[in-house]
Amino acid sequence: VFQSFNLFAHKTVLQNVMLGQLKV
């Protein structure tokens, strides 16, 4: 976890938290 949040701006909050689970 960085000081800048580094979230994917074009994805929803839910999609941000799902993405690594799906891909990795």
PDB file of all heavy atoms in Angstrom:
ATOM      1  N   VAL A   1       0.866  -1.177   0.000  1.00  0.00           N
ATOM      2  CA  VAL A   1       0.000   0.000   0.000  1.00  0.00           C
ATOM      3  C   VAL A   1       0.902   1.226   0.000  1.00  0.00           C
ATOM      4  O   VAL A   1       1.754   1.377   0.874  1.00  0.00           O
ATOM      5  CB  VAL A   1      -0.934   0.005   1.233  1.00  0.00           C
ATOM      6  CG1 VAL A   1      -1.790   1.269   1.252  1.00  0.00           C
ATOM      7  CG2 VAL A   1      -1.823  -1.232   1.230  1.00  0.00           C
ATOM      8  N   PHE A   2       0.724   2.083  -1.006  1.00  0.00           N
ATOM      9  CA  PHE A   2       1.593   3.247  -1.207  1.00  0.00           C
ATOM     10  C   PHE A   2       0.929   4.507  -0.648  1.00  0.00           C
ATOM     11  O   PHE A   2      -0.253   4.512  -0.317  1.00  0.00           O
ATOM     12  CB  PHE A   2       1.845   3.465  -2.703  1.00  0.00           C
ATOM     13  CG  PHE A   2       2.453   2.288  -3.408  1.00  0.00           C
ATOM     14  CD1 PHE A   2       1.649   1.285  -3.941  1.00  0.00           C
ATOM     15  CD2 PHE A   2       3.832   2.185  -3.562  1.00  0.00           C
ATOM     16  CE1 PHE A   2       2.212   0.197  -4.617  1.00  0.00           C
ATOM     17  CE2 PHE A   2       4.398   1.102  -4.225  1.00  0.00           C
ATOM     18  CZ  PHE A   2       3.583   0.109  -4.753  1.00  0.00           C
ATOM     19  N   GLN A   3       1.684   5.611  -0.632  1.00  0.00           N
ATOM     20  CA  GLN A   3       1.057   6.861  -0.187  1.00  0.00           C
ATOM     21  C   GLN A   3       0.079   7.373  -1.233  1.00  0.00           C
ATOM     22  O   GLN A   3      -0.949   7.965  -0.879  1.00  0.00           O
ATOM     23  CB  GLN A   3       2.115   7.905   0.172  1.00  0.00           C
ATOM     24  CG  GLN A   3       3.063   8.309  -0.917  1.00  0.00           C
ATOM     25  CD  GLN A   3       4.172   9.192  -0.344  1.00  0.00           C
ATOM     26  OE1 GLN A   3       4.918   8.796   0.539  1.00  0.00           O
ATOM     27  NE2 GLN A   3       4.287  10.398  -0.838  1.00  0.00           N
ATOM     28  N   SER A   4       0.369   7.167  -2.516  1.00  0.00           N
ATOM     29  CA  SER A   4      -0.632   7.466  -3.543  1.00  0.00           C
ATOM     30  C   SER A   4      -1.380   6.164  -3.798  1.00  0.00           C
ATOM     31  O   SER A   4      -0.788   5.101  -3.843  1.00  0.00           O
ATOM     32  CB  SER A   4       0.039   7.959  -4.820  1.00  0.00           C
ATOM     33  OG  SER A   4       1.002   7.025  -5.252  1.00  0.00           O
ATOM     34  N   PHE A   5      -2.679   6.246  -3.970  1.00  0.00           N
ATOM     35  CA  PHE A   5      -3.528   5.058  -3.823  1.00  0.00           C
ATOM     36  C   PHE A   5      -3.383   4.068  -4.976  1.00  0.00           C
ATOM     37  O   PHE A   5      -3.627   2.891  -4.833  1.00  0.00           O
ATOM     38  CB  PHE A   5      -4.989   5.493  -3.646  1.00  0.00           C
ATOM     39  CG  PHE A   5      -5.115   6.751  -2.833  1.00  0.00           C
ATOM     40  CD1 PHE A   5      -5.688   7.895  -3.364  1.00  0.00           C
ATOM     41  CD2 PHE A   5      -4.603   6.802  -1.543  1.00  0.00           C
ATOM     42  CE1 PHE A   5      -5.767   9.067  -2.619  1.00  0.00           C
ATOM     43  CE2 PHE A   5      -4.676   7.969  -0.788  1.00  0.00           C
ATOM     44  CZ  PHE A   5      -5.261   9.108  -1.330  1.00  0.00           C
ATOM     45  N   ASN A   6      -2.967   4.582  -6.159  1.00  0.00           N
ATOM     46  CA  ASN A   6      -2.679   3.702  -7.300  1.00  0.00           C
ATOM     47  C   ASN A   6      -3.864   2.814  -7.696  1.00  0.00           C
ATOM     48  O   ASN A   6      -3.669   1.691  -8.142  1.00  0.00           O
ATOM     49  CB  ASN A   6      -1.471   2.794  -7.007  1.00  0.00           C
ATOM     50  CG  ASN A   6      -0.159   3.566  -6.972  1.00  0.00           C
ATOM     51  OD1 ASN A   6      -0.164   4.782  -7.079  1.00  0.00           O
ATOM     52  ND2 ASN A   6       0.942   2.880  -6.825  1.00  0.00           N
ATOM     53  N   LEU A   7      -5.084   3.312  -7.512  1.00  0.00           N
ATOM     54  CA  LEU A   7      -6.249   2.549  -7.973  1.00  0.00           C
ATOM     55  C   LEU A   7      -6.417   2.764  -9.475  1.00  0.00           C
ATOM     56  O   LEU A   7      -5.991   3.778 -10.014  1.00  0.00           O
ATOM     57  CB  LEU A   7      -7.510   3.011  -7.234  1.00  0.00           C
ATOM     58  CG  LEU A   7      -7.509   2.806  -5.719  1.00  0.00           C
ATOM     59  CD1 LEU A   7      -8.742   3.445  -5.100  1.00  0.00           C
ATOM     60  CD2 LEU A   7      -7.435   1.327  -5.357  1.00  0.00           C
ATOM     61  N   PHE A   8      -7.050   1.786 -10.129  1.00  0.00           N
ATOM     62  CA  PHE A   8      -7.335   1.942 -11.565  1.00  0.00           C
ATOM     63  C   PHE A   8      -8.526   2.881 -11.719  1.00  0.00           C
ATOM     64  O   PHE A   8      -9.647   2.553 -11.330  1.00  0.00           O
ATOM     65  CB  PHE A   8      -7.630   0.584 -12.195  1.00  0.00           C
ATOM     66  CG  PHE A   8      -6.446  -0.333 -12.213  1.00  0.00           C
ATOM     67  CD1 PHE A   8      -6.406  -1.457 -11.395  1.00  0.00           C
ATOM     68  CD2 PHE A   8      -5.350  -0.065 -13.024  1.00  0.00           C
ATOM     69  CE1 PHE A   8      -5.306  -2.298 -11.392  1.00  0.00           C
ATOM     70  CE2 PHE A   8      -4.246  -0.910 -13.029  1.00  0.00           C
ATOM     71  CZ  PHE A   8      -4.223  -2.025 -12.210  1.00  0.00           C
ATOM     72  N   ALA A   9      -8.266   4.055 -12.311  1.00  0.00           N
ATOM     73  CA  ALA A   9      -9.271   5.123 -12.356  1.00  0.00           C
ATOM     74  C   ALA A   9     -10.498   4.746 -13.191  1.00  0.00           C
ATOM     75  O   ALA A   9     -11.599   5.232 -12.933  1.00  0.00           O
ATOM     76  CB  ALA A   9      -8.640   6.401 -12.918  1.00  0.00           C
ATOM     77  N   HIS A  10     -10.310   3.858 -14.179  1.00  0.00           N
ATOM     78  CA  HIS A  10     -11.399   3.531 -15.103  1.00  0.00           C
ATOM     79  C   HIS A  10     -12.198   2.314 -14.641  1.00  0.00           C
ATOM     80  O   HIS A  10     -13.070   1.832 -15.358  1.00  0.00           O
ATOM     81  CB  HIS A  10     -10.831   3.284 -16.503  1.00  0.00           C
ATOM     82  CG  HIS A  10      -9.841   2.152 -16.550  1.00  0.00           C
ATOM     83  ND1 HIS A  10      -8.592   2.256 -15.994  1.00  0.00           N
ATOM     84  CD2 HIS A  10      -9.920   0.900 -17.062  1.00  0.00           C
ATOM     85  CE1 HIS A  10      -7.948   1.116 -16.166  1.00  0.00           C
ATOM     86  NE2 HIS A  10      -8.733   0.267 -16.810  1.00  0.00           N
ATOM     87  N   LYS A  11     -11.880   1.804 -13.447  1.00  0.00           N
ATOM     88  CA  LYS A  11     -12.634   0.651 -12.928  1.00  0.00           C
ATOM     89  C   LYS A  11     -13.323   1.050 -11.627  1.00  0.00           C
ATOM     90  O   LYS A  11     -12.815   1.884 -10.873  1.00  0.00           O
ATOM     91  CB  LYS A  11     -11.688  -0.533 -12.679  1.00  0.00           C
ATOM     92  CG  LYS A  11     -11.109  -1.114 -13.968  1.00  0.00           C
ATOM     93  CD  LYS A  11     -10.348  -2.392 -13.710  1.00  0.00           C
ATOM     94  CE  LYS A  11      -9.793  -2.970 -15.003  1.00  0.00           C
ATOM     95  NZ  LYS A  11     -10.850  -3.364 -15.957  1.00  0.00           N
ATOM     96  N   THR A  12     -14.453   0.406 -11.359  1.00  0.00           N
ATOM     97  CA  THR A  12     -15.161   0.698 -10.111  1.00  0.00           C
ATOM     98  C   THR A  12     -14.344   0.190  -8.918  1.00  0.00           C
ATOM     99  O   THR A  12     -13.388  -0.576  -9.074  1.00  0.00           O
ATOM    100  CB  THR A  12     -16.540   0.021 -10.069  1.00  0.00           C
ATOM    101  OG1 THR A  12     -16.342  -1.406 -10.020  1.00  0.00           O
ATOM    102  CG2 THR A  12     -17.405   0.404 -11.249  1.00  0.00           C
ATOM    103  N   VAL A  13     -14.757   0.612  -7.735  1.00  0.00           N
ATOM    104  CA  VAL A  13     -14.129   0.144  -6.500  1.00  0.00           C
ATOM    105  C   VAL A  13     -14.149  -1.388  -6.441  1.00  0.00           C
ATOM    106  O   VAL A  13     -13.131  -2.032  -6.173  1.00  0.00           O
ATOM    107  CB  VAL A  13     -14.863   0.758  -5.284  1.00  0.00           C
ATOM    108  CG1 VAL A  13     -14.523   0.026  -3.995  1.00  0.00           C
ATOM    109  CG2 VAL A  13     -14.523   2.246  -5.172  1.00  0.00           C
ATOM    110  N   LEU A  14     -15.307  -1.975  -6.718  1.00  0.00           N
ATOM    111  CA  LEU A  14     -15.436  -3.434  -6.682  1.00  0.00           C
ATOM    112  C   LEU A  14     -14.495  -4.094  -7.693  1.00  0.00           C
ATOM    113  O   LEU A  14     -13.800  -5.065  -7.379  1.00  0.00           O
ATOM    114  CB  LEU A  14     -16.889  -3.849  -6.959  1.00  0.00           C
ATOM    115  CG  LEU A  14     -17.170  -5.358  -6.940  1.00  0.00           C
ATOM    116  CD1 LEU A  14     -16.892  -5.951  -5.565  1.00  0.00           C
ATOM    117  CD2 LEU A  14     -18.625  -5.628  -7.352  1.00  0.00           C
ATOM    118  N   GLN A  15     -14.455  -3.559  -8.917  1.00  0.00           N
ATOM    119  CA  GLN A  15     -13.584  -4.125  -9.954  1.00  0.00           C
ATOM    120  C   GLN A  15     -12.109  -4.030  -9.562  1.00  0.00           C
ATOM    121  O   GLN A  15     -11.315  -4.936  -9.839  1.00  0.00           O
ATOM    122  CB  GLN A  15     -13.822  -3.408 -11.283  1.00  0.00           C
ATOM    123  CG  GLN A  15     -15.151  -3.763 -11.929  1.00  0.00           C
ATOM    124  CD  GLN A  15     -15.500  -2.825 -13.087  1.00  0.00           C
ATOM    125  OE1 GLN A  15     -15.018  -1.689 -13.159  1.00  0.00           O
ATOM    126  NE2 GLN A  15     -16.357  -3.302 -13.994  1.00  0.00           N
ATOM    127  N   ASN A  16     -11.729  -2.932  -8.904  1.00  0.00           N
ATOM    128  CA  ASN A  16     -10.353  -2.771  -8.440  1.00  0.00           C
ATOM    129  C   ASN A  16      -9.952  -3.895  -7.489  1.00  0.00           C
ATOM    130  O   ASN A  16      -8.843  -4.415  -7.562  1.00  0.00           O
ATOM    131  CB  ASN A  16     -10.181  -1.414  -7.740  1.00  0.00           C
ATOM    132  CG  ASN A  16      -9.634  -0.330  -8.644  1.00  0.00           C
ATOM    133  OD1 ASN A  16      -8.435  -0.244  -8.879  1.00  0.00           O
ATOM    134  ND2 ASN A  16     -10.535   0.496  -9.168  1.00  0.00           N
ATOM    135  N   VAL A  17     -10.874  -4.259  -6.594  1.00  0.00           N
ATOM    136  CA  VAL A  17     -10.554  -5.277  -5.583  1.00  0.00           C
ATOM    137  C   VAL A  17     -10.662  -6.686  -6.162  1.00  0.00           C
ATOM    138  O   VAL A  17     -10.034  -7.622  -5.676  1.00  0.00           O
ATOM    139  CB  VAL A  17     -11.445  -5.100  -4.334  1.00  0.00           C
ATOM    140  CG1 VAL A  17     -11.093  -6.101  -3.241  1.00  0.00           C
ATOM    141  CG2 VAL A  17     -11.296  -3.673  -3.774  1.00  0.00           C
ATOM    142  N   MET A  18     -11.418  -6.845  -7.247  1.00  0.00           N
ATOM    143  CA  MET A  18     -11.558  -8.163  -7.886  1.00  0.00           C
ATOM    144  C   MET A  18     -10.407  -8.486  -8.846  1.00  0.00           C
ATOM    145  O   MET A  18     -10.070  -9.654  -9.040  1.00  0.00           O
ATOM    146  CB  MET A  18     -12.877  -8.228  -8.673  1.00  0.00           C
ATOM    147  CG  MET A  18     -14.118  -8.331  -7.803  1.00  0.00           C
ATOM    148  SD  MET A  18     -15.643  -8.210  -8.788  1.00  0.00           S
ATOM    149  CE  MET A  18     -15.528  -9.684  -9.827  1.00  0.00           C
ATOM    150  N   LEU A  19      -9.807  -7.475  -9.432  1.00  0.00           N
ATOM    151  CA  LEU A  19      -8.933  -7.671 -10.598  1.00  0.00           C
ATOM    152  C   LEU A  19      -7.775  -8.636 -10.344  1.00  0.00           C
ATOM    153  O   LEU A  19      -7.574  -9.592 -11.093  1.00  0.00           O
ATOM    154  CB  LEU A  19      -8.388  -6.313 -11.074  1.00  0.00           C
ATOM    155  CG  LEU A  19      -7.657  -6.350 -12.412  1.00  0.00           C
ATOM    156  CD1 LEU A  19      -8.606  -6.741 -13.542  1.00  0.00           C
ATOM    157  CD2 LEU A  19      -7.017  -5.002 -12.709  1.00  0.00           C
ATOM    158  N   GLY A  20      -7.012  -8.397  -9.273  1.00  0.00           N
ATOM    159  CA  GLY A  20      -5.863  -9.275  -8.985  1.00  0.00           C
ATOM    160  C   GLY A  20      -6.298 -10.696  -8.680  1.00  0.00           C
ATOM    161  O   GLY A  20      -5.608 -11.668  -9.038  1.00  0.00           O
ATOM    162  N   GLN A  21      -7.457 -10.817  -8.030  1.00  0.00           N
ATOM    163  CA  GLN A  21      -7.966 -12.159  -7.719  1.00  0.00           C
ATOM    164  C   GLN A  21      -8.245 -12.935  -9.002  1.00  0.00           C
ATOM    165  O   GLN A  21      -7.966 -14.132  -9.092  1.00  0.00           O
ATOM    166  CB  GLN A  21      -9.264 -12.059  -6.920  1.00  0.00           C
ATOM    167  CG  GLN A  21      -9.161 -11.354  -5.586  1.00  0.00           C
ATOM    168  CD  GLN A  21     -10.494 -11.408  -4.874  1.00  0.00           C
ATOM    169  OE1 GLN A  21     -10.940 -12.466  -4.450  1.00  0.00           O
ATOM    170  NE2 GLN A  21     -11.151 -10.273  -4.766  1.00  0.00           N
ATOM    171  N   LEU A  22      -8.814 -12.247 -10.001  1.00  0.00           N
ATOM    172  CA  LEU A  22      -9.157 -12.905 -11.264  1.00  0.00           C
ATOM    173  C   LEU A  22      -7.901 -13.217 -12.081  1.00  0.00           C
ATOM    174  O   LEU A  22      -7.736 -14.321 -12.587  1.00  0.00           O
ATOM    175  CB  LEU A  22     -10.095 -12.007 -12.083  1.00  0.00           C
ATOM    176  CG  LEU A  22     -11.472 -11.721 -11.474  1.00  0.00           C
ATOM    177  CD1 LEU A  22     -12.198 -10.639 -12.273  1.00  0.00           C
ATOM    178  CD2 LEU A  22     -12.322 -12.992 -11.422  1.00  0.00           C
ATOM    179  N   LYS A  23      -7.002 -12.214 -12.180  1.00  0.00           N
ATOM    180  CA  LYS A  23      -5.860 -12.335 -13.090  1.00  0.00           C
ATOM    181  C   LYS A  23      -4.730 -13.182 -12.499  1.00  0.00           C
ATOM    182  O   LYS A  23      -4.105 -13.969 -13.198  1.00  0.00           O
ATOM    183  CB  LYS A  23      -5.314 -10.943 -13.421  1.00  0.00           C
ATOM    184  CG  LYS A  23      -6.289 -10.066 -14.193  1.00  0.00           C
ATOM    185  CD  LYS A  23      -6.084 -10.229 -15.680  1.00  0.00           C
ATOM    186  CE  LYS A  23      -6.786  -9.121 -16.458  1.00  0.00           C
ATOM    187  NZ  LYS A  23      -7.826  -9.620 -17.341  1.00  0.00           N
ATOM    188  N   VAL A  24      -4.447 -12.990 -11.207  1.00  0.00           N
ATOM    189  CA  VAL A  24      -3.276 -13.638 -10.604  1.00  0.00           C
ATOM    190  C   VAL A  24      -3.670 -14.887  -9.827  1.00  0.00           C
ATOM    191  O   VAL A  24      -3.067 -15.944  -9.977  1.00  0.00           O
ATOM    192  CB  VAL A  24      -2.508 -12.651  -9.693  1.00  0.00           C
ATOM    193  CG1 VAL A  24      -1.279 -13.330  -9.093  1.00  0.00           C
ATOM    194  CG2 VAL A  24      -2.100 -11.408 -10.478  1.00  0.00           C
TER     195      VAL A  24
END
